[in-house]
Each structure stands twice: as structure tokens, then as C-alpha cells.
Amino acid sequence: MRFVRDGEFCEHHRNPWKEYQYFLWVKNETLPLPYRRVQTNGTIIVIILLLVLLVCICALLVWQHRRLRRIERYLTSTGQQLSRSEL
């Protein structure tokens, strides 16, 4: 991957000093800000995805619990009796 701006190393206007300086930056991994590539940290993304998954699972459990309570209330109001395993 090249960290250059458009036209910086154009064939018609080659600047050996700039090319050497760029070589040193790449070799020492000290690229100046306009050339630096932004690296995303994969672990942060994975942690965020796991947290989203955990929230979704909790929301599903709460929804299921409320649904069972609603069915239970309906059945008790109509006088029917069912065990939890039958729900």
C-alpha cells in the first residue's frame, strides 16, 4: 500500500529527496499524519458486537417472560389451569 498524495511521485516531477524521505518513514513506521493509515482495532469491534448480542438475548428473554405472564393471566382469568411445561 502506498501512502502518497495524488501526484507527489509523478514521473515528470520526481523528487529523489522526497522519495528517500518516504522510504525512511515507511522503514521506521513513522509516517507523518497526511500519509498515515487509520487502523481499526478489531478487538473493540468484537467486544461491541458481543455486547449487542448480549443485549438482544436479554431483550428476547424479557419479551418471552412477559408473553408467558400474559398467557398465564389470561388462563387464570378464564378459570383454566396449565402447568409451565404445557405453556
C-alpha atoms as a PDB file:
ATOM      1  CA  MET A   1       0.000   0.000   0.000  1.00  0.00           C
ATOM      2  CA  ARG A   2       1.333   3.428  -0.879  1.00  0.00           C
ATOM      3  CA  PHE A   3       0.824   6.332   1.477  1.00  0.00           C
ATOM      4  CA  VAL A   4       1.207   9.100  -1.066  1.00  0.00           C
ATOM      5  CA  ARG A   5      -0.825  12.083  -2.105  1.00  0.00           C
ATOM      6  CA  ASP A   6      -2.018  12.413  -5.673  1.00  0.00           C
ATOM      7  CA  GLY A   7       0.770  13.424  -7.998  1.00  0.00           C
ATOM      8  CA  GLU A   8       3.514  13.512  -5.390  1.00  0.00           C
ATOM      9  CA  PHE A   9       5.699  10.973  -7.166  1.00  0.00           C
ATOM     10  CA  CYS A  10       4.597  11.922 -10.672  1.00  0.00           C
ATOM     11  CA  GLU A  11       7.019  10.614 -13.334  1.00  0.00           C
ATOM     12  CA  HIS A  12       7.579  14.138 -14.754  1.00  0.00           C
ATOM     13  CA  HIS A  13       8.415  15.757 -11.412  1.00  0.00           C
ATOM     14  CA  ARG A  14      10.289  13.136  -9.440  1.00  0.00           C
ATOM     15  CA  ASN A  15      11.906  14.369  -6.278  1.00  0.00           C
ATOM     16  CA  PRO A  16      14.586  11.920  -5.062  1.00  0.00           C
ATOM     17  CA  TRP A  17      14.774  13.591  -1.648  1.00  0.00           C
ATOM     18  CA  LYS A  18      11.027  13.148  -1.082  1.00  0.00           C
ATOM     19  CA  GLU A  19      11.234   9.539  -2.240  1.00  0.00           C
ATOM     20  CA  TYR A  20      14.127   8.851   0.145  1.00  0.00           C
ATOM     21  CA  GLN A  21      12.290  10.585   2.990  1.00  0.00           C
ATOM     22  CA  TYR A  22       9.198   8.479   2.238  1.00  0.00           C
ATOM     23  CA  PHE A  23      11.364   5.341   2.234  1.00  0.00           C
ATOM     24  CA  LEU A  24      12.710   6.226   5.681  1.00  0.00           C
ATOM     25  CA  TRP A  25       9.195   6.918   7.009  1.00  0.00           C
ATOM     26  CA  VAL A  26       7.970   3.538   5.811  1.00  0.00           C
ATOM     27  CA  LYS A  27      11.079   1.758   7.083  1.00  0.00           C
ATOM     28  CA  ASN A  28      10.810   3.359  10.549  1.00  0.00           C
ATOM     29  CA  GLU A  29       6.986   3.254  10.548  1.00  0.00           C
ATOM     30  CA  THR A  30       6.844   6.948  11.413  1.00  0.00           C
ATOM     31  CA  LEU A  31       4.666   8.261   8.627  1.00  0.00           C
ATOM     32  CA  PRO A  32       3.515  11.852   9.049  1.00  0.00           C
ATOM     33  CA  LEU A  33      -0.204  12.456   9.580  1.00  0.00           C
ATOM     34  CA  PRO A  34      -1.364  13.054   5.995  1.00  0.00           C
ATOM     35  CA  TYR A  35       0.053   9.663   4.974  1.00  0.00           C
ATOM     36  CA  ARG A  36      -0.920   7.583   7.996  1.00  0.00           C
ATOM     37  CA  ARG A  37      -3.425   4.825   7.535  1.00  0.00           C
ATOM     38  CA  VAL A  38      -6.111   4.613  10.202  1.00  0.00           C
ATOM     39  CA  GLN A  39      -6.096   1.152  11.719  1.00  0.00           C
ATOM     40  CA  THR A  40      -9.253  -0.020  13.432  1.00  0.00           C
ATOM     41  CA  ASN A  41      -8.780  -2.186  16.440  1.00  0.00           C
ATOM     42  CA  GLY A  42     -10.521  -5.486  15.776  1.00  0.00           C
ATOM     43  CA  THR A  43     -10.919  -6.353  19.441  1.00  0.00           C
ATOM     44  CA  ILE A  44     -13.023  -3.240  20.083  1.00  0.00           C
ATOM     45  CA  ILE A  45     -15.336  -4.168  17.212  1.00  0.00           C
ATOM     46  CA  VAL A  46     -15.662  -7.740  18.511  1.00  0.00           C
ATOM     47  CA  ILE A  47     -16.446  -6.501  22.049  1.00  0.00           C
ATOM     48  CA  ILE A  48     -19.120  -4.140  20.728  1.00  0.00           C
ATOM     49  CA  LEU A  49     -20.687  -6.939  18.663  1.00  0.00           C
ATOM     50  CA  LEU A  50     -20.713  -9.252  21.692  1.00  0.00           C
ATOM     51  CA  LEU A  51     -22.379  -6.566  23.809  1.00  0.00           C
ATOM     52  CA  VAL A  52     -25.040  -6.041  21.134  1.00  0.00           C
ATOM     53  CA  LEU A  53     -25.628  -9.802  21.039  1.00  0.00           C
ATOM     54  CA  LEU A  54     -25.942  -9.907  24.839  1.00  0.00           C
ATOM     55  CA  VAL A  55     -28.476  -7.051  24.811  1.00  0.00           C
ATOM     56  CA  CYS A  56     -30.506  -8.830  22.104  1.00  0.00           C
ATOM     57  CA  ILE A  57     -30.543 -12.080  24.109  1.00  0.00           C
ATOM     58  CA  CYS A  58     -31.647 -10.232  27.260  1.00  0.00           C
ATOM     59  CA  ALA A  59     -34.396  -8.414  25.352  1.00  0.00           C
ATOM     60  CA  LEU A  60     -35.604 -11.736  23.916  1.00  0.00           C
ATOM     61  CA  LEU A  61     -35.706 -13.319  27.381  1.00  0.00           C
ATOM     62  CA  VAL A  62     -37.648 -10.374  28.832  1.00  0.00           C
ATOM     63  CA  TRP A  63     -40.110 -10.483  25.920  1.00  0.00           C
ATOM     64  CA  GLN A  64     -40.606 -14.251  26.353  1.00  0.00           C
ATOM     65  CA  HIS A  65     -41.134 -13.842  30.119  1.00  0.00           C
ATOM     66  CA  ARG A  66     -43.757 -11.118  29.607  1.00  0.00           C
ATOM     67  CA  ARG A  67     -45.504 -13.225  26.976  1.00  0.00           C
ATOM     68  CA  LEU A  68     -45.711 -16.206  29.354  1.00  0.00           C
ATOM     69  CA  ARG A  69     -47.055 -13.961  32.136  1.00  0.00           C
ATOM     70  CA  ARG A  70     -49.722 -12.602  29.797  1.00  0.00           C
ATOM     71  CA  ILE A  71     -50.802 -16.135  28.805  1.00  0.00           C
ATOM     72  CA  GLU A  72     -50.836 -17.170  32.464  1.00  0.00           C
ATOM     73  CA  ARG A  73     -53.024 -14.187  33.415  1.00  0.00           C
ATOM     74  CA  TYR A  74     -55.417 -14.936  30.571  1.00  0.00           C
ATOM     75  CA  LEU A  75     -55.737 -18.584  31.562  1.00  0.00           C
ATOM     76  CA  THR A  76     -56.287 -17.832  35.248  1.00  0.00           C
ATOM     77  CA  SER A  77     -58.928 -15.224  34.383  1.00  0.00           C
ATOM     78  CA  THR A  78     -60.823 -17.803  32.312  1.00  0.00           C
ATOM     79  CA  GLY A  79     -60.510 -20.397  35.095  1.00  0.00           C
ATOM     80  CA  GLN A  80     -58.204 -22.759  33.205  1.00  0.00           C
ATOM     81  CA  GLN A  81     -55.140 -24.160  34.891  1.00  0.00           C
ATOM     82  CA  LEU A  82     -51.978 -25.158  32.964  1.00  0.00           C
ATOM     83  CA  SER A  83     -48.551 -26.061  34.238  1.00  0.00           C
ATOM     84  CA  ARG A  84     -45.497 -24.174  32.992  1.00  0.00           C
ATOM     85  CA  SER A  85     -44.377 -27.166  30.926  1.00  0.00           C
ATOM     86  CA  GLU A  86     -47.625 -27.004  28.941  1.00  0.00           C
ATOM     87  CA  LEU A  87     -47.069 -23.341  28.096  1.00  0.00           C
END
